[in-house]
Amino acid sequence: MALSMWPLAGSLRFMEKHIVRSWSVGLLLLAGLAHAQDSALIPDTSLPIPALHFDSAGEIVMQASATSSRHDFDYLVGDWQLRNRKLKSRLTHSNEWMAFESRVEMHQ
């Protein structure tokens, strides 16, 4: 009986080694992601953030800046044929692009 248990013990050691290795790699990846996110989440304090104002119903009150006008985006009004490109596979080091056309109709 002891001889038949020996191959099982070898398999268990093999599995333990790979589970420990998987956990180690996972923890290293998690630590790397946490560090990457920390550096990306540093706020840019040079940009002023305007205060938010709400009306009595709890809706946000938006007020245009002094330099804006209702005609700021008039150059976009019209019918447009667009040629677009997008990566076939994102976040996989892909450099293969898919091209497609679209139509946009912009009204004021």
PDB file of N, CA and C in Angstrom:
ATOM      1  N   MET A   1       0.823  -1.190   0.000  1.00  0.00           N
ATOM      2  CA  MET A   1       0.000   0.000   0.000  1.00  0.00           C
ATOM      3  C   MET A   1       0.868   1.256   0.000  1.00  0.00           C
ATOM      4  N   ALA A   2       1.967   1.217   0.680  1.00  0.00           N
ATOM      5  CA  ALA A   2       2.855   2.379   0.737  1.00  0.00           C
ATOM      6  C   ALA A   2       3.413   2.706  -0.638  1.00  0.00           C
ATOM      7  N   LEU A   3       3.646   1.685  -1.464  1.00  0.00           N
ATOM      8  CA  LEU A   3       4.153   1.932  -2.808  1.00  0.00           C
ATOM      9  C   LEU A   3       3.122   2.638  -3.674  1.00  0.00           C
ATOM     10  N   SER A   4       1.830   2.333  -3.516  1.00  0.00           N
ATOM     11  CA  SER A   4       0.815   2.973  -4.347  1.00  0.00           C
ATOM     12  C   SER A   4       0.581   4.428  -3.933  1.00  0.00           C
ATOM     13  N   MET A   5       0.913   4.795  -2.703  1.00  0.00           N
ATOM     14  CA  MET A   5       0.745   6.170  -2.246  1.00  0.00           C
ATOM     15  C   MET A   5       1.889   7.068  -2.718  1.00  0.00           C
ATOM     16  N   TRP A   6       3.035   6.475  -3.037  1.00  0.00           N
ATOM     17  CA  TRP A   6       4.199   7.270  -3.421  1.00  0.00           C
ATOM     18  C   TRP A   6       3.948   8.168  -4.642  1.00  0.00           C
ATOM     19  N   PRO A   7       3.357   7.684  -5.748  1.00  0.00           N
ATOM     20  CA  PRO A   7       3.103   8.573  -6.890  1.00  0.00           C
ATOM     21  C   PRO A   7       2.154   9.715  -6.523  1.00  0.00           C
ATOM     22  N   LEU A   8       1.201   9.461  -5.659  1.00  0.00           N
ATOM     23  CA  LEU A   8       0.273  10.500  -5.239  1.00  0.00           C
ATOM     24  C   LEU A   8       1.008  11.588  -4.456  1.00  0.00           C
ATOM     25  N   ALA A   9       1.928  11.185  -3.600  1.00  0.00           N
ATOM     26  CA  ALA A   9       2.703  12.155  -2.829  1.00  0.00           C
ATOM     27  C   ALA A   9       3.534  13.033  -3.762  1.00  0.00           C
ATOM     28  N   GLY A  10       4.103  12.448  -4.791  1.00  0.00           N
ATOM     29  CA  GLY A  10       4.865  13.229  -5.768  1.00  0.00           C
ATOM     30  C   GLY A  10       3.978  14.224  -6.491  1.00  0.00           C
ATOM     31  N   SER A  11       2.771  13.811  -6.838  1.00  0.00           N
ATOM     32  CA  SER A  11       1.825  14.701  -7.515  1.00  0.00           C
ATOM     33  C   SER A  11       1.418  15.852  -6.606  1.00  0.00           C
ATOM     34  N   LEU A  12       1.223  15.544  -5.315  1.00  0.00           N
ATOM     35  CA  LEU A  12       0.852  16.594  -4.369  1.00  0.00           C
ATOM     36  C   LEU A  12       1.958  17.620  -4.222  1.00  0.00           C
ATOM     37  N   ARG A  13       3.222  17.156  -4.142  1.00  0.00           N
ATOM     38  CA  ARG A  13       4.340  18.090  -4.051  1.00  0.00           C
ATOM     39  C   ARG A  13       4.418  18.957  -5.302  1.00  0.00           C
ATOM     40  N   PHE A  14       4.188  18.343  -6.457  1.00  0.00           N
ATOM     41  CA  PHE A  14       4.195  19.072  -7.728  1.00  0.00           C
ATOM     42  C   PHE A  14       3.108  20.157  -7.712  1.00  0.00           C
ATOM     43  N   MET A  15       1.908  19.792  -7.259  1.00  0.00           N
ATOM     44  CA  MET A  15       0.801  20.754  -7.211  1.00  0.00           C
ATOM     45  C   MET A  15       1.082  21.869  -6.203  1.00  0.00           C
ATOM     46  N   GLU A  16       1.615  21.504  -5.035  1.00  0.00           N
ATOM     47  CA  GLU A  16       1.932  22.508  -4.021  1.00  0.00           C
ATOM     48  C   GLU A  16       2.930  23.524  -4.558  1.00  0.00           C
ATOM     49  N   LYS A  17       3.951  23.030  -5.243  1.00  0.00           N
ATOM     50  CA  LYS A  17       4.993  23.911  -5.777  1.00  0.00           C
ATOM     51  C   LYS A  17       4.383  24.902  -6.775  1.00  0.00           C
ATOM     52  N   HIS A  18       3.487  24.420  -7.636  1.00  0.00           N
ATOM     53  CA  HIS A  18       2.889  25.296  -8.648  1.00  0.00           C
ATOM     54  C   HIS A  18       1.867  26.246  -8.039  1.00  0.00           C
ATOM     55  N   ILE A  19       1.156  25.806  -7.006  1.00  0.00           N
ATOM     56  CA  ILE A  19       0.212  26.703  -6.342  1.00  0.00           C
ATOM     57  C   ILE A  19       0.965  27.823  -5.642  1.00  0.00           C
ATOM     58  N   VAL A  20       2.035  27.496  -4.946  1.00  0.00           N
ATOM     59  CA  VAL A  20       2.841  28.521  -4.273  1.00  0.00           C
ATOM     60  C   VAL A  20       3.420  29.476  -5.296  1.00  0.00           C
ATOM     61  N   ARG A  21       3.912  28.949  -6.408  1.00  0.00           N
ATOM     62  CA  ARG A  21       4.479  29.797  -7.460  1.00  0.00           C
ATOM     63  C   ARG A  21       3.401  30.716  -8.038  1.00  0.00           C
ATOM     64  N   SER A  22       2.190  30.176  -8.272  1.00  0.00           N
ATOM     65  CA  SER A  22       1.094  30.993  -8.811  1.00  0.00           C
ATOM     66  C   SER A  22       0.730  32.114  -7.859  1.00  0.00           C
ATOM     67  N   TRP A  23       0.642  31.807  -6.557  1.00  0.00           N
ATOM     68  CA  TRP A  23       0.328  32.831  -5.559  1.00  0.00           C
ATOM     69  C   TRP A  23       1.416  33.891  -5.524  1.00  0.00           C
ATOM     70  N   SER A  24       2.665  33.472  -5.608  1.00  0.00           N
ATOM     71  CA  SER A  24       3.777  34.422  -5.568  1.00  0.00           C
ATOM     72  C   SER A  24       3.714  35.373  -6.758  1.00  0.00           C
ATOM     73  N   VAL A  25       3.486  34.814  -7.929  1.00  0.00           N
ATOM     74  CA  VAL A  25       3.394  35.648  -9.135  1.00  0.00           C
ATOM     75  C   VAL A  25       2.202  36.587  -9.019  1.00  0.00           C
ATOM     76  N   GLY A  26       1.079  36.073  -8.523  1.00  0.00           N
ATOM     77  CA  GLY A  26      -0.112  36.904  -8.359  1.00  0.00           C
ATOM     78  C   GLY A  26       0.124  38.070  -7.419  1.00  0.00           C
ATOM     79  N   LEU A  27       0.804  37.806  -6.300  1.00  0.00           N
ATOM     80  CA  LEU A  27       1.082  38.875  -5.342  1.00  0.00           C
ATOM     81  C   LEU A  27       2.032  39.913  -5.923  1.00  0.00           C
ATOM     82  N   LEU A  28       3.017  39.458  -6.685  1.00  0.00           N
ATOM     83  CA  LEU A  28       3.942  40.405  -7.317  1.00  0.00           C
ATOM     84  C   LEU A  28       3.205  41.282  -8.328  1.00  0.00           C
ATOM     85  N   LEU A  29       2.314  40.674  -9.115  1.00  0.00           N
ATOM     86  CA  LEU A  29       1.540  41.453 -10.081  1.00  0.00           C
ATOM     87  C   LEU A  29       0.650  42.467  -9.382  1.00  0.00           C
ATOM     88  N   LEU A  30       0.024  42.047  -8.304  1.00  0.00           N
ATOM     89  CA  LEU A  30      -0.840  42.941  -7.555  1.00  0.00           C
ATOM     90  C   LEU A  30      -0.049  44.107  -6.975  1.00  0.00           C
ATOM     91  N   ALA A  31       1.116  43.832  -6.449  1.00  0.00           N
ATOM     92  CA  ALA A  31       1.960  44.896  -5.900  1.00  0.00           C
ATOM     93  C   ALA A  31       2.372  45.859  -7.006  1.00  0.00           C
ATOM     94  N   GLY A  32       2.691  45.342  -8.175  1.00  0.00           N
ATOM     95  CA  GLY A  32       3.069  46.193  -9.300  1.00  0.00           C
ATOM     96  C   GLY A  32       1.915  47.058  -9.754  1.00  0.00           C
ATOM     97  N   LEU A  33       0.709  46.503  -9.794  1.00  0.00           N
ATOM     98  CA  LEU A  33      -0.465  47.275 -10.188  1.00  0.00           C
ATOM     99  C   LEU A  33      -0.770  48.356  -9.167  1.00  0.00           C
ATOM    100  N   ALA A  34      -0.642  48.034  -7.911  1.00  0.00           N
ATOM    101  CA  ALA A  34      -0.903  49.024  -6.867  1.00  0.00           C
ATOM    102  C   ALA A  34       0.065  50.194  -6.995  1.00  0.00           C
ATOM    103  N   HIS A  35       1.336  49.899  -7.260  1.00  0.00           N
ATOM    104  CA  HIS A  35       2.324  50.963  -7.425  1.00  0.00           C
ATOM    105  C   HIS A  35       1.998  51.802  -8.657  1.00  0.00           C
ATOM    106  N   ALA A  36       1.626  51.153  -9.767  1.00  0.00           N
ATOM    107  CA  ALA A  36       1.302  51.875 -10.994  1.00  0.00           C
ATOM    108  C   ALA A  36       0.082  52.763 -10.779  1.00  0.00           C
ATOM    109  N   GLN A  37      -0.917  52.260 -10.053  1.00  0.00           N
ATOM    110  CA  GLN A  37      -2.108  53.052  -9.806  1.00  0.00           C
ATOM    111  C   GLN A  37      -1.796  54.212  -8.870  1.00  0.00           C
ATOM    112  N   ASP A  38      -0.944  54.002  -7.882  1.00  0.00           N
ATOM    113  CA  ASP A  38      -0.593  55.084  -6.967  1.00  0.00           C
ATOM    114  C   ASP A  38       0.010  56.262  -7.711  1.00  0.00           C
ATOM    115  N   SER A  39       0.929  55.983  -8.634  1.00  0.00           N
ATOM    116  CA  SER A  39       1.578  57.075  -9.352  1.00  0.00           C
ATOM    117  C   SER A  39       0.615  57.748 -10.325  1.00  0.00           C
ATOM    118  N   ALA A  40      -0.384  57.026 -10.818  1.00  0.00           N
ATOM    119  CA  ALA A  40      -1.342  57.607 -11.748  1.00  0.00           C
ATOM    120  C   ALA A  40      -2.405  58.427 -11.026  1.00  0.00           C
ATOM    121  N   LEU A  41      -2.567  58.232  -9.730  1.00  0.00           N
ATOM    122  CA  LEU A  41      -3.632  58.900  -8.997  1.00  0.00           C
ATOM    123  C   LEU A  41      -3.164  60.147  -8.245  1.00  0.00           C
ATOM    124  N   ILE A  42      -2.048  60.689  -8.642  1.00  0.00           N
ATOM    125  CA  ILE A  42      -1.567  61.918  -8.008  1.00  0.00           C
ATOM    126  C   ILE A  42      -2.315  63.083  -8.657  1.00  0.00           C
ATOM    127  N   PRO A  43      -3.097  63.837  -7.880  1.00  0.00           N
ATOM    128  CA  PRO A  43      -3.891  64.920  -8.473  1.00  0.00           C
ATOM    129  C   PRO A  43      -3.011  66.079  -8.932  1.00  0.00           C
ATOM    130  N   ASP A  44      -3.445  66.718  -9.995  1.00  0.00           N
ATOM    131  CA  ASP A  44      -2.764  67.906 -10.506  1.00  0.00           C
ATOM    132  C   ASP A  44      -3.373  69.117  -9.802  1.00  0.00           C
ATOM    133  N   THR A  45      -2.705  69.619  -8.805  1.00  0.00           N
ATOM    134  CA  THR A  45      -3.245  70.716  -8.000  1.00  0.00           C
ATOM    135  C   THR A  45      -3.119  72.075  -8.689  1.00  0.00           C
ATOM    136  N   SER A  46      -2.472  72.119  -9.851  1.00  0.00           N
ATOM    137  CA  SER A  46      -2.357  73.400 -10.555  1.00  0.00           C
ATOM    138  C   SER A  46      -3.647  73.750 -11.290  1.00  0.00           C
ATOM    139  N   LEU A  47      -4.534  72.764 -11.488  1.00  0.00           N
ATOM    140  CA  LEU A  47      -5.802  73.024 -12.165  1.00  0.00           C
ATOM    141  C   LEU A  47      -6.877  73.376 -11.134  1.00  0.00           C
ATOM    142  N   PRO A  48      -7.492  74.544 -11.277  1.00  0.00           N
ATOM    143  CA  PRO A  48      -8.535  74.901 -10.307  1.00  0.00           C
ATOM    144  C   PRO A  48      -9.797  74.070 -10.566  1.00  0.00           C
ATOM    145  N   ILE A  49     -10.371  73.538  -9.510  1.00  0.00           N
ATOM    146  CA  ILE A  49     -11.614  72.781  -9.625  1.00  0.00           C
ATOM    147  C   ILE A  49     -12.734  73.673  -9.115  1.00  0.00           C
ATOM    148  N   PRO A  50     -13.686  74.003  -9.997  1.00  0.00           N
ATOM    149  CA  PRO A  50     -14.762  74.898  -9.562  1.00  0.00           C
ATOM    150  C   PRO A  50     -15.674  74.202  -8.547  1.00  0.00           C
ATOM    151  N   ALA A  51     -16.248  75.001  -7.675  1.00  0.00           N
ATOM    152  CA  ALA A  51     -17.178  74.472  -6.681  1.00  0.00           C
ATOM    153  C   ALA A  51     -18.483  74.070  -7.367  1.00  0.00           C
ATOM    154  N   LEU A  52     -19.122  73.033  -6.860  1.00  0.00           N
ATOM    155  CA  LEU A  52     -20.414  72.599  -7.391  1.00  0.00           C
ATOM    156  C   LEU A  52     -21.532  73.289  -6.633  1.00  0.00           C
ATOM    157  N   HIS A  53     -22.573  73.637  -7.355  1.00  0.00           N
ATOM    158  CA  HIS A  53     -23.739  74.270  -6.741  1.00  0.00           C
ATOM    159  C   HIS A  53     -24.977  73.474  -7.125  1.00  0.00           C
ATOM    160  N   PHE A  54     -25.877  73.313  -6.154  1.00  0.00           N
ATOM    161  CA  PHE A  54     -27.100  72.543  -6.369  1.00  0.00           C
ATOM    162  C   PHE A  54     -28.312  73.413  -6.056  1.00  0.00           C
ATOM    163  N   ASP A  55     -29.417  73.171  -6.805  1.00  0.00           N
ATOM    164  CA  ASP A  55     -30.647  73.904  -6.510  1.00  0.00           C
ATOM    165  C   ASP A  55     -31.418  73.189  -5.400  1.00  0.00           C
ATOM    166  N   SER A  56     -32.596  73.706  -5.065  1.00  0.00           N
ATOM    167  CA  SER A  56     -33.365  73.149  -3.948  1.00  0.00           C
ATOM    168  C   SER A  56     -33.844  71.725  -4.218  1.00  0.00           C
ATOM    169  N   ALA A  57     -33.920  71.329  -5.498  1.00  0.00           N
ATOM    170  CA  ALA A  57     -34.340  69.964  -5.847  1.00  0.00           C
ATOM    171  C   ALA A  57     -33.156  69.000  -5.863  1.00  0.00           C
ATOM    172  N   GLY A  58     -31.955  69.498  -5.604  1.00  0.00           N
ATOM    173  CA  GLY A  58     -30.770  68.643  -5.597  1.00  0.00           C
ATOM    174  C   GLY A  58     -30.112  68.502  -6.953  1.00  0.00           C
ATOM    175  N   GLU A  59     -30.609  69.221  -7.953  1.00  0.00           N
ATOM    176  CA  GLU A  59     -30.020  69.178  -9.296  1.00  0.00           C
ATOM    177  C   GLU A  59     -28.811  70.106  -9.349  1.00  0.00           C
ATOM    178  N   ILE A  60     -27.810  69.705 -10.106  1.00  0.00           N
ATOM    179  CA  ILE A  60     -26.616  70.536 -10.221  1.00  0.00           C
ATOM    180  C   ILE A  60     -26.933  71.765 -11.075  1.00  0.00           C
ATOM    181  N   VAL A  61     -26.435  72.892 -10.646  1.00  0.00           N
ATOM    182  CA  VAL A  61     -26.621  74.142 -11.377  1.00  0.00           C
ATOM    183  C   VAL A  61     -25.331  74.397 -12.138  1.00  0.00           C
ATOM    184  N   MET A  62     -25.426  74.433 -13.469  1.00  0.00           N
ATOM    185  CA  MET A  62     -24.242  74.676 -14.300  1.00  0.00           C
ATOM    186  C   MET A  62     -24.285  76.094 -14.838  1.00  0.00           C
ATOM    187  N   GLN A  63     -23.146  76.730 -14.806  1.00  0.00           N
ATOM    188  CA  GLN A  63     -23.038  78.090 -15.305  1.00  0.00           C
ATOM    189  C   GLN A  63     -21.847  78.146 -16.259  1.00  0.00           C
ATOM    190  N   ALA A  64     -22.098  78.705 -17.435  1.00  0.00           N
ATOM    191  CA  ALA A  64     -21.037  78.806 -18.440  1.00  0.00           C
ATOM    192  C   ALA A  64     -19.944  79.748 -17.971  1.00  0.00           C
ATOM    193  N   SER A  65     -18.733  79.487 -18.431  1.00  0.00           N
ATOM    194  CA  SER A  65     -17.626  80.375 -18.072  1.00  0.00           C
ATOM    195  C   SER A  65     -17.785  81.715 -18.787  1.00  0.00           C
ATOM    196  N   ALA A  66     -17.065  82.696 -18.336  1.00  0.00           N
ATOM    197  CA  ALA A  66     -17.171  84.041 -18.904  1.00  0.00           C
ATOM    198  C   ALA A  66     -16.722  84.082 -20.365  1.00  0.00           C
ATOM    199  N   THR A  67     -15.839  83.174 -20.770  1.00  0.00           N
ATOM    200  CA  THR A  67     -15.319  83.206 -22.150  1.00  0.00           C
ATOM    201  C   THR A  67     -16.111  82.324 -23.106  1.00  0.00           C
ATOM    202  N   SER A  68     -17.093  81.586 -22.629  1.00  0.00           N
ATOM    203  CA  SER A  68     -17.836  80.699 -23.528  1.00  0.00           C
ATOM    204  C   SER A  68     -19.059  81.404 -24.099  1.00  0.00           C
ATOM    205  N   SER A  69     -19.533  80.871 -25.211  1.00  0.00           N
ATOM    206  CA  SER A  69     -20.764  81.386 -25.822  1.00  0.00           C
ATOM    207  C   SER A  69     -21.542  80.211 -26.395  1.00  0.00           C
ATOM    208  N   ARG A  70     -22.767  80.451 -26.770  1.00  0.00           N
ATOM    209  CA  ARG A  70     -23.594  79.378 -27.324  1.00  0.00           C
ATOM    210  C   ARG A  70     -23.151  78.976 -28.725  1.00  0.00           C
ATOM    211  N   HIS A  71     -22.206  79.708 -29.299  1.00  0.00           N
ATOM    212  CA  HIS A  71     -21.737  79.407 -30.650  1.00  0.00           C
ATOM    213  C   HIS A  71     -20.342  78.765 -30.648  1.00  0.00           C
ATOM    214  N   ASP A  72     -19.879  78.306 -29.516  1.00  0.00           N
ATOM    215  CA  ASP A  72     -18.531  77.744 -29.411  1.00  0.00           C
ATOM    216  C   ASP A  72     -18.296  76.567 -30.357  1.00  0.00           C
ATOM    217  N   PHE A  73     -19.314  75.774 -30.608  1.00  0.00           N
ATOM    218  CA  PHE A  73     -19.127  74.565 -31.407  1.00  0.00           C
ATOM    219  C   PHE A  73     -19.880  74.627 -32.736  1.00  0.00           C
ATOM    220  N   ASP A  74     -20.148  75.816 -33.229  1.00  0.00           N
ATOM    221  CA  ASP A  74     -20.854  75.963 -34.500  1.00  0.00           C
ATOM    222  C   ASP A  74     -20.099  75.335 -35.664  1.00  0.00           C
ATOM    223  N   TYR A  75     -18.800  75.271 -35.573  1.00  0.00           N
ATOM    224  CA  TYR A  75     -18.020  74.690 -36.670  1.00  0.00           C
ATOM    225  C   TYR A  75     -18.320  73.203 -36.857  1.00  0.00           C
ATOM    226  N   LEU A  76     -18.952  72.563 -35.882  1.00  0.00           N
ATOM    227  CA  LEU A  76     -19.296  71.144 -36.002  1.00  0.00           C
ATOM    228  C   LEU A  76     -20.655  70.907 -36.655  1.00  0.00           C
ATOM    229  N   VAL A  77     -21.470  71.945 -36.795  1.00  0.00           N
ATOM    230  CA  VAL A  77     -22.809  71.787 -37.351  1.00  0.00           C
ATOM    231  C   VAL A  77     -22.698  71.362 -38.809  1.00  0.00           C
ATOM    232  N   GLY A  78     -23.462  70.341 -39.182  1.00  0.00           N
ATOM    233  CA  GLY A  78     -23.490  69.861 -40.554  1.00  0.00           C
ATOM    234  C   GLY A  78     -23.493  68.347 -40.611  1.00  0.00           C
ATOM    235  N   ASP A  79     -23.408  67.821 -41.838  1.00  0.00           N
ATOM    236  CA  ASP A  79     -23.327  66.378 -42.067  1.00  0.00           C
ATOM    237  C   ASP A  79     -21.877  66.032 -42.375  1.00  0.00           C
ATOM    238  N   TRP A  80     -21.367  65.034 -41.680  1.00  0.00           N
ATOM    239  CA  TRP A  80     -19.968  64.675 -41.808  1.00  0.00           C
ATOM    240  C   TRP A  80     -19.812  63.201 -42.112  1.00  0.00           C
ATOM    241  N   GLN A  81     -18.938  62.877 -43.047  1.00  0.00           N
ATOM    242  CA  GLN A  81     -18.522  61.501 -43.319  1.00  0.00           C
ATOM    243  C   GLN A  81     -17.170  61.329 -42.650  1.00  0.00           C
ATOM    244  N   LEU A  82     -17.049  60.358 -41.767  1.00  0.00           N
ATOM    245  CA  LEU A  82     -15.819  60.173 -41.019  1.00  0.00           C
ATOM    246  C   LEU A  82     -15.130  58.872 -41.402  1.00  0.00           C
ATOM    247  N   ARG A  83     -13.811  58.901 -41.409  1.00  0.00           N
ATOM    248  CA  ARG A  83     -13.009  57.689 -41.547  1.00  0.00           C
ATOM    249  C   ARG A  83     -12.369  57.420 -40.199  1.00  0.00           C
ATOM    250  N   ASN A  84     -12.692  56.290 -39.611  1.00  0.00           N
ATOM    251  CA  ASN A  84     -12.231  55.948 -38.272  1.00  0.00           C
ATOM    252  C   ASN A  84     -11.254  54.782 -38.337  1.00  0.00           C
ATOM    253  N   ARG A  85     -10.418  54.705 -37.322  1.00  0.00           N
ATOM    254  CA  ARG A  85      -9.529  53.549 -37.146  1.00  0.00           C
ATOM    255  C   ARG A  85      -9.542  53.175 -35.677  1.00  0.00           C
ATOM    256  N   LYS A  86      -9.511  51.889 -35.415  1.00  0.00           N
ATOM    257  CA  LYS A  86      -9.371  51.435 -34.029  1.00  0.00           C
ATOM    258  C   LYS A  86      -8.511  50.187 -34.013  1.00  0.00           C
ATOM    259  N   LEU A  87      -7.846  49.970 -32.897  1.00  0.00           N
ATOM    260  CA  LEU A  87      -7.022  48.778 -32.745  1.00  0.00           C
ATOM    261  C   LEU A  87      -7.911  47.541 -32.742  1.00  0.00           C
ATOM    262  N   LYS A  88      -7.473  46.515 -33.431  1.00  0.00           N
ATOM    263  CA  LYS A  88      -8.253  45.280 -33.481  1.00  0.00           C
ATOM    264  C   LYS A  88      -8.346  44.637 -32.102  1.00  0.00           C
ATOM    265  N   SER A  89      -7.277  44.722 -31.331  1.00  0.00           N
ATOM    266  CA  SER A  89      -7.251  44.124 -29.996  1.00  0.00           C
ATOM    267  C   SER A  89      -6.553  45.084 -29.054  1.00  0.00           C
ATOM    268  N   ARG A  90      -7.285  45.592 -28.080  1.00  0.00           N
ATOM    269  CA  ARG A  90      -6.710  46.557 -27.140  1.00  0.00           C
ATOM    270  C   ARG A  90      -5.922  45.861 -26.041  1.00  0.00           C
ATOM    271  N   LEU A  91      -4.917  46.551 -25.532  1.00  0.00           N
ATOM    272  CA  LEU A  91      -4.108  46.123 -24.385  1.00  0.00           C
ATOM    273  C   LEU A  91      -3.400  44.782 -24.608  1.00  0.00           C
ATOM    274  N   THR A  92      -3.110  44.457 -25.864  1.00  0.00           N
ATOM    275  CA  THR A  92      -2.409  43.208 -26.161  1.00  0.00           C
ATOM    276  C   THR A  92      -1.192  43.456 -27.048  1.00  0.00           C
ATOM    277  N   HIS A  93      -0.683  44.668 -27.052  1.00  0.00           N
ATOM    278  CA  HIS A  93       0.464  45.053 -27.886  1.00  0.00           C
ATOM    279  C   HIS A  93       0.159  44.859 -29.367  1.00  0.00           C
ATOM    280  N   SER A  94      -1.105  44.979 -29.731  1.00  0.00           N
ATOM    281  CA  SER A  94      -1.516  44.823 -31.125  1.00  0.00           C
ATOM    282  C   SER A  94      -1.164  46.077 -31.901  1.00  0.00           C
ATOM    283  N   ASN A  95      -0.765  45.913 -33.152  1.00  0.00           N
ATOM    284  CA  ASN A  95      -0.561  47.062 -34.025  1.00  0.00           C
ATOM    285  C   ASN A  95      -1.397  46.917 -35.296  1.00  0.00           C
ATOM    286  N   GLU A  96      -2.410  46.063 -35.224  1.00  0.00           N
ATOM    287  CA  GLU A  96      -3.311  45.858 -36.362  1.00  0.00           C
ATOM    288  C   GLU A  96      -4.543  46.746 -36.187  1.00  0.00           C
ATOM    289  N   TRP A  97      -4.789  47.596 -37.175  1.00  0.00           N
ATOM    290  CA  TRP A  97      -5.878  48.565 -37.105  1.00  0.00           C
ATOM    291  C   TRP A  97      -7.038  48.137 -37.986  1.00  0.00           C
ATOM    292  N   MET A  98      -8.245  48.411 -37.524  1.00  0.00           N
ATOM    293  CA  MET A  98      -9.448  48.190 -38.329  1.00  0.00           C
ATOM    294  C   MET A  98      -9.948  49.567 -38.757  1.00  0.00           C
ATOM    295  N   ALA A  99     -10.205  49.737 -40.057  1.00  0.00           N
ATOM    296  CA  ALA A  99     -10.699  51.009 -40.577  1.00  0.00           C
ATOM    297  C   ALA A  99     -12.182  50.857 -40.913  1.00  0.00           C
ATOM    298  N   PHE A 100     -12.961  51.893 -40.598  1.00  0.00           N
ATOM    299  CA  PHE A 100     -14.381  51.871 -40.936  1.00  0.00           C
ATOM    300  C   PHE A 100     -14.855  53.311 -41.095  1.00  0.00           C
ATOM    301  N   GLU A 101     -15.948  53.463 -41.807  1.00  0.00           N
ATOM    302  CA  GLU A 101     -16.505  54.795 -42.044  1.00  0.00           C
ATOM    303  C   GLU A 101     -17.788  54.957 -41.247  1.00  0.00           C
ATOM    304  N   SER A 102     -18.096  56.205 -40.930  1.00  0.00           N
ATOM    305  CA  SER A 102     -19.341  56.503 -40.230  1.00  0.00           C
ATOM    306  C   SER A 102     -19.859  57.863 -40.698  1.00  0.00           C
ATOM    307  N   ARG A 103     -21.090  58.143 -40.352  1.00  0.00           N
ATOM    308  CA  ARG A 103     -21.712  59.400 -40.724  1.00  0.00           C
ATOM    309  C   ARG A 103     -22.211  60.070 -39.453  1.00  0.00           C
ATOM    310  N   VAL A 104     -21.958  61.375 -39.344  1.00  0.00           N
ATOM    311  CA  VAL A 104     -22.411  62.136 -38.182  1.00  0.00           C
ATOM    312  C   VAL A 104     -23.242  63.320 -38.702  1.00  0.00           C
ATOM    313  N   GLU A 105     -24.374  63.518 -38.062  1.00  0.00           N
ATOM    314  CA  GLU A 105     -25.236  64.658 -38.391  1.00  0.00           C
ATOM    315  C   GLU A 105     -25.353  65.517 -37.141  1.00  0.00           C
ATOM    316  N   MET A 106     -24.829  66.740 -37.217  1.00  0.00           N
ATOM    317  CA  MET A 106     -24.797  67.616 -36.047  1.00  0.00           C
ATOM    318  C   MET A 106     -25.737  68.788 -36.258  1.00  0.00           C
ATOM    319  N   HIS A 107     -26.622  69.006 -35.285  1.00  0.00           N
ATOM    320  CA  HIS A 107     -27.574  70.127 -35.334  1.00  0.00           C
ATOM    321  C   HIS A 107     -27.328  71.039 -34.146  1.00  0.00           C
ATOM    322  N   GLN A 108     -27.781  72.270 -34.298  1.00  0.00           N
ATOM    323  CA  GLN A 108     -27.646  73.207 -33.188  1.00  0.00           C
ATOM    324  C   GLN A 108     -28.938  73.273 -32.412  1.00  0.00           C
TER     325      GLN A 108
END
